[in-house]
C-alpha atoms as a PDB file:
ATOM      1  CA  MET A   1     -54.284   7.921 -64.363  1.00  0.00           C
ATOM      2  CA  TYR A   2     -54.378   4.264 -63.439  1.00  0.00           C
ATOM      3  CA  ALA A   3     -51.219   2.319 -62.819  1.00  0.00           C
ATOM      4  CA  SER A   4     -50.460  -0.950 -64.553  1.00  0.00           C
ATOM      5  CA  GLY A   5     -49.431  -4.005 -62.556  1.00  0.00           C
ATOM      6  CA  ALA A   6     -45.732  -3.222 -62.858  1.00  0.00           C
ATOM      7  CA  GLU A   7     -46.291   0.449 -62.016  1.00  0.00           C
ATOM      8  CA  SER A   8     -48.370  -0.529 -58.986  1.00  0.00           C
ATOM      9  CA  GLN A   9     -45.527  -2.711 -57.745  1.00  0.00           C
ATOM     10  CA  GLN A  10     -43.087   0.163 -58.144  1.00  0.00           C
ATOM     11  CA  ILE A  11     -45.370   2.564 -56.250  1.00  0.00           C
ATOM     12  CA  GLY A  12     -45.979  -0.023 -53.531  1.00  0.00           C
ATOM     13  CA  GLY A  13     -42.243  -0.539 -53.259  1.00  0.00           C
ATOM     14  CA  GLN A  14     -41.740   3.200 -52.836  1.00  0.00           C
ATOM     15  CA  VAL A  15     -44.337   3.337 -50.058  1.00  0.00           C
ATOM     16  CA  MET A  16     -42.638   0.458 -48.243  1.00  0.00           C
ATOM     17  CA  ALA A  17     -39.180   1.965 -48.733  1.00  0.00           C
ATOM     18  CA  ILE A  18     -40.169   5.445 -47.532  1.00  0.00           C
ATOM     19  CA  GLY A  19     -41.746   3.845 -44.453  1.00  0.00           C
ATOM     20  CA  GLU A  20     -38.555   1.883 -43.839  1.00  0.00           C
ATOM     21  CA  ALA A  21     -36.439   5.002 -44.253  1.00  0.00           C
ATOM     22  CA  LEU A  22     -38.474   7.435 -42.166  1.00  0.00           C
ATOM     23  CA  THR A  23     -40.954   5.883 -39.774  1.00  0.00           C
ATOM     24  CA  GLU A  24     -41.027   2.113 -39.365  1.00  0.00           C
ATOM     25  CA  GLU A  25     -39.128   0.809 -36.364  1.00  0.00           C
ATOM     26  CA  ILE A  26     -39.798  -1.911 -33.831  1.00  0.00           C
ATOM     27  CA  ILE A  27     -38.800  -0.674 -30.401  1.00  0.00           C
ATOM     28  CA  TYR A  28     -37.746  -3.350 -27.922  1.00  0.00           C
ATOM     29  CA  ASP A  29     -37.715  -3.292 -24.137  1.00  0.00           C
ATOM     30  CA  PRO A  30     -33.974  -3.107 -23.341  1.00  0.00           C
ATOM     31  CA  VAL A  31     -34.309  -5.409 -20.340  1.00  0.00           C
ATOM     32  CA  HIS A  32     -36.633  -8.158 -21.604  1.00  0.00           C
ATOM     33  CA  GLY A  33     -36.306  -7.817 -25.374  1.00  0.00           C
ATOM     34  CA  VAL A  34     -40.082  -7.699 -25.845  1.00  0.00           C
ATOM     35  CA  PRO A  35     -41.406  -5.496 -28.682  1.00  0.00           C
ATOM     36  CA  LEU A  36     -43.062  -2.388 -27.240  1.00  0.00           C
ATOM     37  CA  ASN A  37     -44.820  -1.139 -30.368  1.00  0.00           C
ATOM     38  CA  PHE A  38     -45.976  -4.397 -31.917  1.00  0.00           C
ATOM     39  CA  ASN A  39     -49.366  -3.091 -33.078  1.00  0.00           C
ATOM     40  CA  PHE A  40     -50.758  -0.849 -35.796  1.00  0.00           C
ATOM     41  CA  ILE A  41     -51.333   2.059 -33.399  1.00  0.00           C
ATOM     42  CA  ASP A  42     -47.750   2.518 -32.209  1.00  0.00           C
ATOM     43  CA  TYR A  43     -45.891   1.090 -35.231  1.00  0.00           C
ATOM     44  CA  LYS A  44     -45.922   3.976 -37.674  1.00  0.00           C
ATOM     45  CA  MET A  45     -46.434   2.990 -41.307  1.00  0.00           C
ATOM     46  CA  PRO A  46     -47.004   5.575 -44.019  1.00  0.00           C
ATOM     47  CA  THR A  47     -50.482   5.932 -45.456  1.00  0.00           C
ATOM     48  CA  ILE A  48     -51.488   7.411 -48.780  1.00  0.00           C
ATOM     49  CA  LEU A  49     -51.800  10.787 -47.019  1.00  0.00           C
ATOM     50  CA  ASP A  50     -48.082  10.665 -46.136  1.00  0.00           C
ATOM     51  CA  MET A  51     -46.876   9.963 -49.654  1.00  0.00           C
ATOM     52  CA  PRO A  52     -45.647  12.396 -52.268  1.00  0.00           C
ATOM     53  CA  GLU A  53     -46.880  12.020 -55.828  1.00  0.00           C
ATOM     54  CA  ILE A  54     -44.933   9.190 -57.443  1.00  0.00           C
ATOM     55  CA  GLU A  55     -44.543   8.785 -61.168  1.00  0.00           C
ATOM     56  CA  PRO A  56     -42.914   5.425 -61.884  1.00  0.00           C
ATOM     57  CA  VAL A  57     -40.561   5.090 -64.819  1.00  0.00           C
ATOM     58  CA  LEU A  58     -40.342   1.562 -66.130  1.00  0.00           C
ATOM     59  CA  LEU A  59     -37.277   0.409 -68.005  1.00  0.00           C
ATOM     60  CA  GLU A  60     -38.180  -2.241 -70.517  1.00  0.00           C
ATOM     61  CA  VAL A  61     -34.928  -4.175 -70.340  1.00  0.00           C
ATOM     62  CA  TRP A  62     -35.052  -7.941 -70.116  1.00  0.00           C
ATOM     63  CA  ARG A  63     -31.845  -9.615 -69.083  1.00  0.00           C
ATOM     64  CA  GLY A  64     -33.354 -13.036 -68.714  1.00  0.00           C
ATOM     65  CA  ALA A  65     -34.484 -14.961 -65.694  1.00  0.00           C
ATOM     66  CA  GLY A  66     -32.084 -15.908 -62.961  1.00  0.00           C
ATOM     67  CA  GLU A  67     -30.499 -19.291 -62.551  1.00  0.00           C
ATOM     68  CA  TYR A  68     -33.740 -20.822 -61.256  1.00  0.00           C
ATOM     69  CA  GLY A  69     -36.122 -18.907 -63.525  1.00  0.00           C
ATOM     70  CA  ALA A  70     -36.855 -16.167 -60.993  1.00  0.00           C
ATOM     71  CA  CYS A  71     -36.843 -12.470 -61.765  1.00  0.00           C
ATOM     72  CA  GLY A  72     -37.877  -9.424 -59.772  1.00  0.00           C
ATOM     73  CA  ILE A  73     -39.747  -6.264 -60.571  1.00  0.00           C
ATOM     74  CA  GLY A  74     -40.128  -4.043 -57.503  1.00  0.00           C
ATOM     75  CA  GLU A  75     -37.338  -5.009 -55.144  1.00  0.00           C
ATOM     76  CA  GLY A  76     -34.959  -2.298 -56.307  1.00  0.00           C
ATOM     77  CA  THR A  77     -37.016   0.415 -54.694  1.00  0.00           C
ATOM     78  CA  LEU A  78     -36.661  -1.224 -51.284  1.00  0.00           C
ATOM     79  CA  THR A  79     -32.885  -1.096 -51.425  1.00  0.00           C
ATOM     80  CA  CYS A  80     -32.318   2.216 -53.222  1.00  0.00           C
ATOM     81  CA  THR A  81     -34.921   4.531 -51.691  1.00  0.00           C
ATOM     82  CA  PRO A  82     -33.750   4.537 -48.041  1.00  0.00           C
ATOM     83  CA  ARG A  83     -30.177   5.174 -49.197  1.00  0.00           C
ATOM     84  CA  ALA A  84     -31.317   7.990 -51.488  1.00  0.00           C
ATOM     85  CA  ILE A  85     -33.226   9.570 -48.593  1.00  0.00           C
ATOM     86  CA  ALA A  86     -30.188   9.209 -46.310  1.00  0.00           C
ATOM     87  CA  ASN A  87     -28.025  10.909 -48.945  1.00  0.00           C
ATOM     88  CA  ALA A  88     -30.587  13.708 -49.329  1.00  0.00           C
ATOM     89  CA  VAL A  89     -30.542  14.274 -45.558  1.00  0.00           C
ATOM     90  CA  TYR A  90     -26.731  14.325 -45.633  1.00  0.00           C
ATOM     91  CA  ASN A  91     -26.758  16.882 -48.447  1.00  0.00           C
ATOM     92  CA  ALA A  92     -29.258  19.006 -46.505  1.00  0.00           C
ATOM     93  CA  ILE A  93     -27.609  19.001 -43.075  1.00  0.00           C
ATOM     94  CA  GLY A  94     -23.996  17.992 -43.757  1.00  0.00           C
ATOM     95  CA  ALA A  95     -24.075  15.111 -41.279  1.00  0.00           C
ATOM     96  CA  ARG A  96     -24.380  11.420 -42.088  1.00  0.00           C
ATOM     97  CA  ILE A  97     -27.072   9.316 -40.413  1.00  0.00           C
ATOM     98  CA  ASP A  98     -26.216   5.646 -40.834  1.00  0.00           C
ATOM     99  CA  GLU A  99     -29.238   4.134 -39.134  1.00  0.00           C
ATOM    100  CA  ILE A 100     -32.807   3.939 -40.372  1.00  0.00           C
ATOM    101  CA  PRO A 101     -35.423   5.068 -39.759  1.00  0.00           C
ATOM    102  CA  ILE A 102     -34.134   8.611 -39.979  1.00  0.00           C
ATOM    103  CA  THR A 103     -36.060  10.364 -37.222  1.00  0.00           C
ATOM    104  CA  PRO A 104     -35.968  13.963 -35.975  1.00  0.00           C
ATOM    105  CA  ASP A 105     -34.081  12.803 -32.853  1.00  0.00           C
ATOM    106  CA  LYS A 106     -31.383  11.182 -34.993  1.00  0.00           C
ATOM    107  CA  VAL A 107     -31.058  14.322 -37.108  1.00  0.00           C
ATOM    108  CA  LEU A 108     -30.650  16.479 -33.991  1.00  0.00           C
ATOM    109  CA  ARG A 109     -28.136  14.007 -32.545  1.00  0.00           C
ATOM    110  CA  ALA A 110     -26.138  14.074 -35.807  1.00  0.00           C
ATOM    111  CA  LEU A 111     -26.102  17.882 -35.627  1.00  0.00           C
ATOM    112  CA  GLY A 112     -24.842  17.733 -32.025  1.00  0.00           C
ATOM    113  CA  ARG A 113     -27.965  19.337 -30.597  1.00  0.00           C
ATOM    114  CA  ILE A 114     -28.960  16.416 -28.357  1.00  0.00           C
END
């Protein structure tokens, strides 16, 4: 199945949001403030191999353009997905993690095991 333009934007938004929620983090040197993982080897972004199957559902609701004629199509996934993942982790472990990305270390810390 091939995705339409709008579906592709939704899937791309999901990929970006899952990366934001689970893996993507710039780590800074605490003394000098210089990024330590400012390259594509150490900065972990999800690839297609990391992604679950995504089936976008498009809602055909037009509420008109914004004040300046602008409207969005894929931004909602970037704000909702990390929060949905954080809520799923909370439901699974019973501890809230308020900082993304949600890493194994943060899960263990929230459980009091680190």
